[in-house]
Amino acid sequence: MRQTKPLPATVQRWAEQRIGPVVAVHDASHDWDRSRVWELEVEGGSCAYVKVSPSKKFFTRESRAYRHIVPALGHSRAPHLIDSRAEDLLLLLTAVPGAPAKGLGLSTDEWRAVHRQAGALTARLHEAGELDRADRAEAEASLEAAANGAEKYLARAGDRLTQDEQQAIRDHAAQLRRVGPVPVGYIHGDNQPRNWLWSEAGLALVDFERTRPAARVQDLVILTVTQWLDHPDREKAFLQSYGRELTDAERHALRCLTALDAVNCLAWGPDNNDPMVTARGRRTLDRLMRENRP
């Protein structure tokens, strides 16, 4: 059982200066050590969220996203930033309706509706304004940067991978460097149902700490190896509302990126006692190895 994380008194006082007296606090953190998020019930019946970012990098990405990128999603489709405090990595956010789609026990038709709306919102995010020179350079280098991370994850995973599996990862990293131009934009960075809030009002996206300029296809990796692998109807619904099919270069990049996701999962999952992430990595890698056999 996850231990409840108490809201620091100094953080509550800071929040109350902006939203008024808080009458109840609920720990809304993800189930990992560095996640620190609380729901605040405010006098008068409204709610807000306060978040302590895990790092300066994540704070910078998320605060920038809320100011310049997230508004493209539209009213009620994502939280809005009330205030932030860089020295303490604090973000104070409005609440949006809904609960994470991951835990709602949705029907087949409901899941298709969720993915249909997720595709539309993802497209809005990917097209949220023109990239400036620095952002475009970062985005166009993102696939090579992903490929360059392979050795780090291989070292961390160690003997959890066979020599043949390690070589397969290196081969996919090498292929990723040769993919060529793909569409770029602003990506969510953790685009999956735990960050999709579903309600009668529709879908909203949350948690933008990984939002950055990158190849757009990078936002589809987790969906490809989880949701879409067993449910191609969800992929079809997503891409229909996304507005276009993926290019051949994007499909090739996506396959390579799933290999890198696998080794990342097999490095991170066991080290953080997360069997679901570990299983995701092992399933993906086993599938790739089967498909690579002559």
C-alpha atoms as a PDB file:
ATOM      1  CA  MET A   1       0.000   0.000   0.000  1.00  0.00           C
ATOM      2  CA  ARG A   2       1.285   3.447  -0.954  1.00  0.00           C
ATOM      3  CA  GLN A   3       2.076   5.722   1.976  1.00  0.00           C
ATOM      4  CA  THR A   4       0.099   8.976   1.995  1.00  0.00           C
ATOM      5  CA  LYS A   5       2.277  12.044   1.500  1.00  0.00           C
ATOM      6  CA  PRO A   6       1.424  14.997   3.773  1.00  0.00           C
ATOM      7  CA  LEU A   7       1.116  18.462   2.261  1.00  0.00           C
ATOM      8  CA  PRO A   8       3.838  20.716   3.729  1.00  0.00           C
ATOM      9  CA  ALA A   9       2.330  23.559   5.774  1.00  0.00           C
ATOM     10  CA  THR A  10       4.394  26.152   3.916  1.00  0.00           C
ATOM     11  CA  VAL A  11       2.994  24.932   0.580  1.00  0.00           C
ATOM     12  CA  GLN A  12      -0.580  25.084   1.889  1.00  0.00           C
ATOM     13  CA  ARG A  13      -0.081  28.641   3.140  1.00  0.00           C
ATOM     14  CA  TRP A  14       1.308  29.670  -0.248  1.00  0.00           C
ATOM     15  CA  ALA A  15      -1.683  28.129  -2.026  1.00  0.00           C
ATOM     16  CA  GLU A  16      -4.196  29.707   0.352  1.00  0.00           C
ATOM     17  CA  GLN A  17      -2.815  33.164  -0.399  1.00  0.00           C
ATOM     18  CA  ARG A  18      -4.007  32.619  -3.976  1.00  0.00           C
ATOM     19  CA  ILE A  19      -7.178  30.530  -3.724  1.00  0.00           C
ATOM     20  CA  GLY A  20      -8.488  31.155  -0.224  1.00  0.00           C
ATOM     21  CA  PRO A  21      -8.880  28.897   2.836  1.00  0.00           C
ATOM     22  CA  VAL A  22      -8.386  25.175   2.227  1.00  0.00           C
ATOM     23  CA  VAL A  23     -10.846  22.956   4.091  1.00  0.00           C
ATOM     24  CA  ALA A  24      -9.547  19.517   3.021  1.00  0.00           C
ATOM     25  CA  VAL A  25      -6.439  18.032   1.407  1.00  0.00           C
ATOM     26  CA  HIS A  26      -6.200  14.738  -0.519  1.00  0.00           C
ATOM     27  CA  ASP A  27      -2.983  13.116  -1.698  1.00  0.00           C
ATOM     28  CA  ALA A  28      -3.274  12.726  -5.483  1.00  0.00           C
ATOM     29  CA  SER A  29       0.296  11.634  -6.193  1.00  0.00           C
ATOM     30  CA  HIS A  30       1.177   8.851  -8.587  1.00  0.00           C
ATOM     31  CA  ASP A  31       2.509   5.672  -7.004  1.00  0.00           C
ATOM     32  CA  TRP A  32       6.203   6.580  -7.182  1.00  0.00           C
ATOM     33  CA  ASP A  33       8.452   8.330  -4.695  1.00  0.00           C
ATOM     34  CA  ARG A  34       9.046  11.620  -6.513  1.00  0.00           C
ATOM     35  CA  SER A  35       5.405  12.286  -7.390  1.00  0.00           C
ATOM     36  CA  ARG A  36       3.934  14.951  -5.084  1.00  0.00           C
ATOM     37  CA  VAL A  37       0.462  16.228  -5.984  1.00  0.00           C
ATOM     38  CA  TRP A  38      -2.438  17.206  -3.706  1.00  0.00           C
ATOM     39  CA  GLU A  39      -6.085  18.033  -4.333  1.00  0.00           C
ATOM     40  CA  LEU A  40      -7.225  21.035  -2.317  1.00  0.00           C
ATOM     41  CA  GLU A  41     -10.874  21.567  -1.390  1.00  0.00           C
ATOM     42  CA  VAL A  42     -11.391  25.283  -1.039  1.00  0.00           C
ATOM     43  CA  GLU A  43     -13.907  27.083   1.147  1.00  0.00           C
ATOM     44  CA  GLY A  44     -16.924  27.707  -1.034  1.00  0.00           C
ATOM     45  CA  GLY A  45     -16.805  24.353  -2.807  1.00  0.00           C
ATOM     46  CA  SER A  46     -14.176  24.738  -5.522  1.00  0.00           C
ATOM     47  CA  CYS A  47     -11.066  22.575  -5.941  1.00  0.00           C
ATOM     48  CA  ALA A  48      -7.491  23.113  -7.075  1.00  0.00           C
ATOM     49  CA  TYR A  49      -4.317  21.076  -7.305  1.00  0.00           C
ATOM     50  CA  VAL A  50      -0.860  21.893  -6.014  1.00  0.00           C
ATOM     51  CA  LYS A  51       2.163  20.075  -7.371  1.00  0.00           C
ATOM     52  CA  VAL A  52       5.811  19.978  -6.371  1.00  0.00           C
ATOM     53  CA  SER A  53       7.736  19.144  -9.534  1.00  0.00           C
ATOM     54  CA  PRO A  54      10.247  16.274  -9.313  1.00  0.00           C
ATOM     55  CA  SER A  55      13.042  18.415 -10.775  1.00  0.00           C
ATOM     56  CA  LYS A  56      13.891  21.853 -12.108  1.00  0.00           C
ATOM     57  CA  LYS A  57      13.752  20.463 -15.668  1.00  0.00           C
ATOM     58  CA  PHE A  58      10.219  19.144 -15.199  1.00  0.00           C
ATOM     59  CA  PHE A  59       9.108  22.380 -13.508  1.00  0.00           C
ATOM     60  CA  THR A  60      10.468  24.442 -16.382  1.00  0.00           C
ATOM     61  CA  ARG A  61       8.793  22.261 -18.981  1.00  0.00           C
ATOM     62  CA  GLU A  62       5.445  22.153 -17.230  1.00  0.00           C
ATOM     63  CA  SER A  63       5.202  25.820 -16.274  1.00  0.00           C
ATOM     64  CA  ARG A  64       6.131  26.802 -19.833  1.00  0.00           C
ATOM     65  CA  ALA A  65       3.588  24.333 -21.233  1.00  0.00           C
ATOM     66  CA  TYR A  66       0.754  25.774 -19.148  1.00  0.00           C
ATOM     67  CA  ARG A  67       1.605  29.306 -20.223  1.00  0.00           C
ATOM     68  CA  HIS A  68       2.248  28.834 -23.924  1.00  0.00           C
ATOM     69  CA  ILE A  69       1.128  25.416 -25.207  1.00  0.00           C
ATOM     70  CA  VAL A  70      -1.718  23.925 -23.154  1.00  0.00           C
ATOM     71  CA  PRO A  71      -4.192  26.778 -23.894  1.00  0.00           C
ATOM     72  CA  ALA A  72      -4.402  25.412 -27.457  1.00  0.00           C
ATOM     73  CA  LEU A  73      -6.361  22.453 -26.071  1.00  0.00           C
ATOM     74  CA  GLY A  74      -9.338  24.672 -25.249  1.00  0.00           C
ATOM     75  CA  HIS A  75     -11.455  25.441 -22.224  1.00  0.00           C
ATOM     76  CA  SER A  76     -11.936  22.538 -19.753  1.00  0.00           C
ATOM     77  CA  ARG A  77      -9.645  20.245 -21.781  1.00  0.00           C
ATOM     78  CA  ALA A  78      -6.699  20.724 -19.413  1.00  0.00           C
ATOM     79  CA  PRO A  79      -5.957  22.480 -16.116  1.00  0.00           C
ATOM     80  CA  HIS A  80      -4.959  26.140 -16.121  1.00  0.00           C
ATOM     81  CA  LEU A  81      -2.027  27.550 -14.207  1.00  0.00           C
ATOM     82  CA  ILE A  82      -3.098  29.748 -11.284  1.00  0.00           C
ATOM     83  CA  ASP A  83       0.426  30.499 -10.080  1.00  0.00           C
ATOM     84  CA  SER A  84       3.889  29.001  -9.757  1.00  0.00           C
ATOM     85  CA  ARG A  85       6.969  29.475  -7.594  1.00  0.00           C
ATOM     86  CA  ALA A  86      10.200  28.452  -9.273  1.00  0.00           C
ATOM     87  CA  GLU A  87      12.416  28.416  -6.190  1.00  0.00           C
ATOM     88  CA  ASP A  88      10.268  25.657  -4.640  1.00  0.00           C
ATOM     89  CA  LEU A  89       9.181  24.000  -7.919  1.00  0.00           C
ATOM     90  CA  LEU A  90       5.534  24.723  -7.056  1.00  0.00           C
ATOM     91  CA  LEU A  91       2.600  24.731  -9.471  1.00  0.00           C
ATOM     92  CA  LEU A  92      -0.960  25.679  -8.482  1.00  0.00           C
ATOM     93  CA  LEU A  93      -3.539  24.446 -10.993  1.00  0.00           C
ATOM     94  CA  THR A  94      -7.264  24.557 -11.585  1.00  0.00           C
ATOM     95  CA  ALA A  95      -9.203  21.297 -11.448  1.00  0.00           C
ATOM     96  CA  VAL A  96     -10.859  19.768 -14.510  1.00  0.00           C
ATOM     97  CA  PRO A  97     -13.744  17.282 -14.423  1.00  0.00           C
ATOM     98  CA  GLY A  98     -13.257  13.563 -14.687  1.00  0.00           C
ATOM     99  CA  ALA A  99     -11.182  10.654 -13.432  1.00  0.00           C
ATOM    100  CA  PRO A 100      -8.281   8.820 -15.090  1.00  0.00           C
ATOM    101  CA  ALA A 101      -9.681   6.698 -17.915  1.00  0.00           C
ATOM    102  CA  LYS A 102      -7.313   3.904 -16.933  1.00  0.00           C
ATOM    103  CA  GLY A 103      -9.323   2.970 -13.847  1.00  0.00           C
ATOM    104  CA  LEU A 104     -12.923   3.475 -14.986  1.00  0.00           C
ATOM    105  CA  GLY A 105     -13.760   0.020 -16.371  1.00  0.00           C
ATOM    106  CA  LEU A 106     -14.961   1.469 -19.664  1.00  0.00           C
ATOM    107  CA  SER A 107     -16.861  -0.479 -22.297  1.00  0.00           C
ATOM    108  CA  THR A 108     -15.499  -1.138 -25.784  1.00  0.00           C
ATOM    109  CA  ASP A 109     -17.519   1.741 -27.239  1.00  0.00           C
ATOM    110  CA  GLU A 110     -16.489   4.083 -24.433  1.00  0.00           C
ATOM    111  CA  TRP A 111     -12.809   3.286 -24.982  1.00  0.00           C
ATOM    112  CA  ARG A 112     -13.183   4.095 -28.668  1.00  0.00           C
ATOM    113  CA  ALA A 113     -14.802   7.414 -27.725  1.00  0.00           C
ATOM    114  CA  VAL A 114     -11.944   8.165 -25.338  1.00  0.00           C
ATOM    115  CA  HIS A 115      -9.337   7.465 -28.008  1.00  0.00           C
ATOM    116  CA  ARG A 116     -11.274   9.479 -30.561  1.00  0.00           C
ATOM    117  CA  GLN A 117     -11.179  12.521 -28.294  1.00  0.00           C
ATOM    118  CA  ALA A 118      -7.565  11.834 -27.306  1.00  0.00           C
ATOM    119  CA  GLY A 119      -6.574  11.884 -30.974  1.00  0.00           C
ATOM    120  CA  ALA A 120      -8.196  15.280 -31.482  1.00  0.00           C
ATOM    121  CA  LEU A 121      -6.591  16.773 -28.357  1.00  0.00           C
ATOM    122  CA  THR A 122      -3.191  15.322 -29.236  1.00  0.00           C
ATOM    123  CA  ALA A 123      -3.403  16.934 -32.668  1.00  0.00           C
ATOM    124  CA  ARG A 124      -4.204  20.306 -31.084  1.00  0.00           C
ATOM    125  CA  LEU A 125      -1.211  19.972 -28.783  1.00  0.00           C
ATOM    126  CA  HIS A 126       1.135  18.918 -31.581  1.00  0.00           C
ATOM    127  CA  GLU A 127       0.066  21.946 -33.616  1.00  0.00           C
ATOM    128  CA  ALA A 128       0.119  24.478 -30.752  1.00  0.00           C
ATOM    129  CA  GLY A 129       1.872  27.321 -32.517  1.00  0.00           C
ATOM    130  CA  GLU A 130       4.972  27.661 -34.622  1.00  0.00           C
ATOM    131  CA  LEU A 131       8.227  26.354 -33.203  1.00  0.00           C
ATOM    132  CA  ASP A 132      10.868  29.020 -32.727  1.00  0.00           C
ATOM    133  CA  ARG A 133      14.411  28.341 -33.910  1.00  0.00           C
ATOM    134  CA  ALA A 134      15.588  26.756 -30.645  1.00  0.00           C
ATOM    135  CA  ASP A 135      12.487  24.574 -30.273  1.00  0.00           C
ATOM    136  CA  ARG A 136      12.683  23.419 -33.879  1.00  0.00           C
ATOM    137  CA  ALA A 137      16.329  22.458 -33.452  1.00  0.00           C
ATOM    138  CA  GLU A 138      15.468  20.469 -30.307  1.00  0.00           C
ATOM    139  CA  ALA A 139      12.522  18.788 -32.025  1.00  0.00           C
ATOM    140  CA  GLU A 140      14.494  17.823 -35.114  1.00  0.00           C
ATOM    141  CA  ALA A 141      17.233  16.330 -32.938  1.00  0.00           C
ATOM    142  CA  SER A 142      14.831  14.384 -30.713  1.00  0.00           C
ATOM    143  CA  LEU A 143      15.032  11.025 -32.504  1.00  0.00           C
ATOM    144  CA  GLU A 144      18.810  11.047 -32.472  1.00  0.00           C
ATOM    145  CA  ALA A 145      18.716  12.020 -28.797  1.00  0.00           C
ATOM    146  CA  ALA A 146      16.423   9.051 -28.128  1.00  0.00           C
ATOM    147  CA  ALA A 147      18.786   6.751 -30.004  1.00  0.00           C
ATOM    148  CA  ASN A 148      21.731   8.087 -28.032  1.00  0.00           C
ATOM    149  CA  GLY A 149      20.010   7.095 -24.784  1.00  0.00           C
ATOM    150  CA  ALA A 150      20.008   3.403 -25.667  1.00  0.00           C
ATOM    151  CA  GLU A 151      23.425   2.637 -24.202  1.00  0.00           C
ATOM    152  CA  LYS A 152      22.525   4.258 -20.885  1.00  0.00           C
ATOM    153  CA  TYR A 153      19.440   2.071 -20.549  1.00  0.00           C
ATOM    154  CA  LEU A 154      21.297  -1.028 -21.683  1.00  0.00           C
ATOM    155  CA  ALA A 155      23.905  -0.435 -18.982  1.00  0.00           C
ATOM    156  CA  ARG A 156      21.208  -0.021 -16.339  1.00  0.00           C
ATOM    157  CA  ALA A 157      19.292  -3.091 -17.490  1.00  0.00           C
ATOM    158  CA  GLY A 158      22.450  -5.236 -17.463  1.00  0.00           C
ATOM    159  CA  ASP A 159      21.864  -8.955 -17.648  1.00  0.00           C
ATOM    160  CA  ARG A 160      18.090  -8.575 -17.766  1.00  0.00           C
ATOM    161  CA  LEU A 161      18.630  -8.695 -21.534  1.00  0.00           C
ATOM    162  CA  THR A 162      20.425 -11.428 -23.450  1.00  0.00           C
ATOM    163  CA  GLN A 163      23.257 -10.535 -25.810  1.00  0.00           C
ATOM    164  CA  ASP A 164      20.938 -11.014 -28.776  1.00  0.00           C
ATOM    165  CA  GLU A 165      18.384  -8.685 -27.203  1.00  0.00           C
ATOM    166  CA  GLN A 166      21.039  -6.081 -26.488  1.00  0.00           C
ATOM    167  CA  GLN A 167      22.156  -6.222 -30.109  1.00  0.00           C
ATOM    168  CA  ALA A 168      18.564  -5.860 -31.281  1.00  0.00           C
ATOM    169  CA  ILE A 169      18.231  -2.679 -29.209  1.00  0.00           C
ATOM    170  CA  ARG A 170      21.439  -1.300 -30.705  1.00  0.00           C
ATOM    171  CA  ASP A 171      20.211  -2.171 -34.202  1.00  0.00           C
ATOM    172  CA  HIS A 172      16.956  -0.298 -33.656  1.00  0.00           C
ATOM    173  CA  ALA A 173      18.828   2.701 -32.240  1.00  0.00           C
ATOM    174  CA  ALA A 174      21.011   2.755 -35.351  1.00  0.00           C
ATOM    175  CA  GLN A 175      17.955   2.561 -37.608  1.00  0.00           C
ATOM    176  CA  LEU A 176      16.320   5.418 -35.708  1.00  0.00           C
ATOM    177  CA  ARG A 177      19.245   7.688 -36.561  1.00  0.00           C
ATOM    178  CA  ARG A 178      18.611   7.026 -40.263  1.00  0.00           C
ATOM    179  CA  VAL A 179      14.837   7.521 -40.328  1.00  0.00           C
ATOM    180  CA  GLY A 180      15.005  10.958 -41.919  1.00  0.00           C
ATOM    181  CA  PRO A 181      12.627  13.916 -41.492  1.00  0.00           C
ATOM    182  CA  VAL A 182       9.355  13.399 -39.631  1.00  0.00           C
ATOM    183  CA  PRO A 183       6.696  15.901 -38.487  1.00  0.00           C
ATOM    184  CA  VAL A 184       7.665  17.771 -35.317  1.00  0.00           C
ATOM    185  CA  GLY A 185       5.771  19.851 -32.765  1.00  0.00           C
ATOM    186  CA  TYR A 186       5.003  20.014 -29.062  1.00  0.00           C
ATOM    187  CA  ILE A 187       4.334  16.621 -27.484  1.00  0.00           C
ATOM    188  CA  HIS A 188       2.687  15.691 -24.195  1.00  0.00           C
ATOM    189  CA  GLY A 189       5.489  13.277 -23.366  1.00  0.00           C
ATOM    190  CA  ASP A 190       3.428  10.866 -21.222  1.00  0.00           C
ATOM    191  CA  ASN A 191       0.382  10.440 -23.422  1.00  0.00           C
ATOM    192  CA  GLN A 192      -1.613   7.574 -21.934  1.00  0.00           C
ATOM    193  CA  PRO A 193      -4.914   6.880 -20.139  1.00  0.00           C
ATOM    194  CA  ARG A 194      -3.596   7.590 -16.637  1.00  0.00           C
ATOM    195  CA  ASN A 195      -3.218  11.206 -17.799  1.00  0.00           C
ATOM    196  CA  TRP A 196      -6.586  11.329 -19.604  1.00  0.00           C
ATOM    197  CA  LEU A 197      -9.506  12.441 -17.414  1.00  0.00           C
ATOM    198  CA  TRP A 198     -12.862  11.178 -18.688  1.00  0.00           C
ATOM    199  CA  SER A 199     -16.261  12.521 -17.700  1.00  0.00           C
ATOM    200  CA  GLU A 200     -19.652  13.362 -19.167  1.00  0.00           C
ATOM    201  CA  ALA A 201     -18.056  16.636 -20.287  1.00  0.00           C
ATOM    202  CA  GLY A 202     -15.550  14.713 -22.403  1.00  0.00           C
ATOM    203  CA  LEU A 203     -11.788  14.211 -22.202  1.00  0.00           C
ATOM    204  CA  ALA A 204      -9.142  16.391 -20.558  1.00  0.00           C
ATOM    205  CA  LEU A 205      -5.352  15.964 -20.509  1.00  0.00           C
ATOM    206  CA  VAL A 206      -3.242  16.442 -17.372  1.00  0.00           C
ATOM    207  CA  ASP A 207       0.413  16.224 -16.270  1.00  0.00           C
ATOM    208  CA  PHE A 208       2.550  18.233 -18.698  1.00  0.00           C
ATOM    209  CA  GLU A 209       5.941  17.909 -17.014  1.00  0.00           C
ATOM    210  CA  ARG A 210       7.345  16.054 -20.030  1.00  0.00           C
ATOM    211  CA  THR A 211       5.879  18.422 -22.629  1.00  0.00           C
ATOM    212  CA  ARG A 212       8.563  19.537 -25.039  1.00  0.00           C
ATOM    213  CA  PRO A 213       9.378  20.069 -28.723  1.00  0.00           C
ATOM    214  CA  ALA A 214       9.997  16.690 -30.371  1.00  0.00           C
ATOM    215  CA  ALA A 215       9.045  14.361 -33.185  1.00  0.00           C
ATOM    216  CA  ARG A 216       5.273  14.044 -32.899  1.00  0.00           C
ATOM    217  CA  VAL A 217       5.389  10.266 -33.224  1.00  0.00           C
ATOM    218  CA  GLN A 218       7.130  10.067 -29.852  1.00  0.00           C
ATOM    219  CA  ASP A 219       3.758  10.803 -28.256  1.00  0.00           C
ATOM    220  CA  LEU A 220       2.377   7.510 -29.592  1.00  0.00           C
ATOM    221  CA  VAL A 221       4.940   5.061 -28.201  1.00  0.00           C
ATOM    222  CA  ILE A 222       3.228   4.149 -24.923  1.00  0.00           C
ATOM    223  CA  LEU A 223      -0.150   3.842 -26.644  1.00  0.00           C
ATOM    224  CA  THR A 224       1.361   1.570 -29.296  1.00  0.00           C
ATOM    225  CA  VAL A 225       2.835  -0.909 -26.794  1.00  0.00           C
ATOM    226  CA  THR A 226      -0.127  -0.871 -24.383  1.00  0.00           C
ATOM    227  CA  GLN A 227      -3.564   0.256 -25.563  1.00  0.00           C
ATOM    228  CA  TRP A 228      -3.262  -0.359 -29.292  1.00  0.00           C
ATOM    229  CA  LEU A 229      -1.420  -3.659 -29.269  1.00  0.00           C
ATOM    230  CA  ASP A 230      -4.524  -5.629 -28.271  1.00  0.00           C
ATOM    231  CA  HIS A 231      -7.120  -3.098 -29.413  1.00  0.00           C
ATOM    232  CA  PRO A 232      -6.468  -1.893 -32.974  1.00  0.00           C
ATOM    233  CA  ASP A 233      -9.938  -0.322 -33.012  1.00  0.00           C
ATOM    234  CA  ARG A 234      -8.676   2.198 -30.468  1.00  0.00           C
ATOM    235  CA  GLU A 235      -5.725   3.093 -32.677  1.00  0.00           C
ATOM    236  CA  LYS A 236      -8.079   3.550 -35.634  1.00  0.00           C
ATOM    237  CA  ALA A 237     -10.355   5.838 -33.604  1.00  0.00           C
ATOM    238  CA  PHE A 238      -7.396   7.880 -32.380  1.00  0.00           C
ATOM    239  CA  LEU A 239      -5.822   8.364 -35.803  1.00  0.00           C
ATOM    240  CA  GLN A 240      -9.146   9.217 -37.457  1.00  0.00           C
ATOM    241  CA  SER A 241      -9.609  12.188 -35.129  1.00  0.00           C
ATOM    242  CA  TYR A 242      -5.877  12.955 -35.127  1.00  0.00           C
ATOM    243  CA  GLY A 243      -6.510  13.893 -38.719  1.00  0.00           C
ATOM    244  CA  ARG A 244      -3.980  11.893 -40.693  1.00  0.00           C
ATOM    245  CA  GLU A 245      -2.279   8.524 -41.044  1.00  0.00           C
ATOM    246  CA  LEU A 246       1.338   8.220 -39.998  1.00  0.00           C
ATOM    247  CA  THR A 247       3.977   8.520 -42.704  1.00  0.00           C
ATOM    248  CA  ASP A 248       6.205   5.563 -43.555  1.00  0.00           C
ATOM    249  CA  ALA A 249       9.085   7.321 -41.796  1.00  0.00           C
ATOM    250  CA  GLU A 250       6.961   7.765 -38.680  1.00  0.00           C
ATOM    251  CA  ARG A 251       5.933   4.087 -38.711  1.00  0.00           C
ATOM    252  CA  HIS A 252       9.591   3.074 -38.941  1.00  0.00           C
ATOM    253  CA  ALA A 253      10.547   5.508 -36.186  1.00  0.00           C
ATOM    254  CA  LEU A 254       7.702   4.227 -34.007  1.00  0.00           C
ATOM    255  CA  ARG A 255       8.932   0.641 -34.254  1.00  0.00           C
ATOM    256  CA  CYS A 256      12.446   1.733 -33.276  1.00  0.00           C
ATOM    257  CA  LEU A 257      11.100   3.862 -30.418  1.00  0.00           C
ATOM    258  CA  THR A 258       9.138   0.913 -29.023  1.00  0.00           C
ATOM    259  CA  ALA A 259      12.401  -1.029 -28.805  1.00  0.00           C
ATOM    260  CA  LEU A 260      13.991   1.810 -26.845  1.00  0.00           C
ATOM    261  CA  ASP A 261      10.908   2.004 -24.627  1.00  0.00           C
ATOM    262  CA  ALA A 262      11.316  -1.709 -23.903  1.00  0.00           C
ATOM    263  CA  VAL A 263      14.886  -1.392 -22.624  1.00  0.00           C
ATOM    264  CA  ASN A 264      13.945   1.726 -20.672  1.00  0.00           C
ATOM    265  CA  CYS A 265      11.138  -0.229 -18.983  1.00  0.00           C
ATOM    266  CA  LEU A 266      13.445  -3.157 -18.230  1.00  0.00           C
ATOM    267  CA  ALA A 267      15.939  -0.773 -16.657  1.00  0.00           C
ATOM    268  CA  TRP A 268      13.468   1.378 -14.711  1.00  0.00           C
ATOM    269  CA  GLY A 269      10.782  -1.142 -13.757  1.00  0.00           C
ATOM    270  CA  PRO A 270      12.797  -3.570 -11.617  1.00  0.00           C
ATOM    271  CA  ASP A 271      14.831  -0.760 -10.056  1.00  0.00           C
ATOM    272  CA  ASN A 272      11.616   0.953  -8.935  1.00  0.00           C
ATOM    273  CA  ASN A 273       9.668  -2.192  -8.037  1.00  0.00           C
ATOM    274  CA  ASP A 274       7.108  -1.583 -10.793  1.00  0.00           C
ATOM    275  CA  PRO A 275       5.994  -4.935 -12.225  1.00  0.00           C
ATOM    276  CA  MET A 276       3.607  -3.346 -14.747  1.00  0.00           C
ATOM    277  CA  VAL A 277       6.345  -1.279 -16.383  1.00  0.00           C
ATOM    278  CA  THR A 278       8.686  -4.272 -16.314  1.00  0.00           C
ATOM    279  CA  ALA A 279       6.050  -6.469 -17.967  1.00  0.00           C
ATOM    280  CA  ARG A 280       5.451  -3.822 -20.631  1.00  0.00           C
ATOM    281  CA  GLY A 281       9.126  -3.824 -21.539  1.00  0.00           C
ATOM    282  CA  ARG A 282       9.442  -7.596 -21.569  1.00  0.00           C
ATOM    283  CA  ARG A 283       6.329  -8.054 -23.712  1.00  0.00           C
ATOM    284  CA  THR A 284       7.509  -5.508 -26.267  1.00  0.00           C
ATOM    285  CA  LEU A 285      11.010  -6.935 -26.472  1.00  0.00           C
ATOM    286  CA  ASP A 286       9.771 -10.515 -26.783  1.00  0.00           C
ATOM    287  CA  ARG A 287       7.477  -9.448 -29.633  1.00  0.00           C
ATOM    288  CA  LEU A 288      10.255  -7.610 -31.452  1.00  0.00           C
ATOM    289  CA  MET A 289      12.603 -10.578 -31.110  1.00  0.00           C
ATOM    290  CA  ARG A 290       9.959 -12.927 -32.552  1.00  0.00           C
ATOM    291  CA  GLU A 291       9.325 -10.601 -35.465  1.00  0.00           C
ATOM    292  CA  ASN A 292      13.064 -10.253 -36.168  1.00  0.00           C
ATOM    293  CA  ARG A 293      13.628 -13.985 -36.552  1.00  0.00           C
ATOM    294  CA  PRO A 294      14.215 -15.156 -40.135  1.00  0.00           C
END
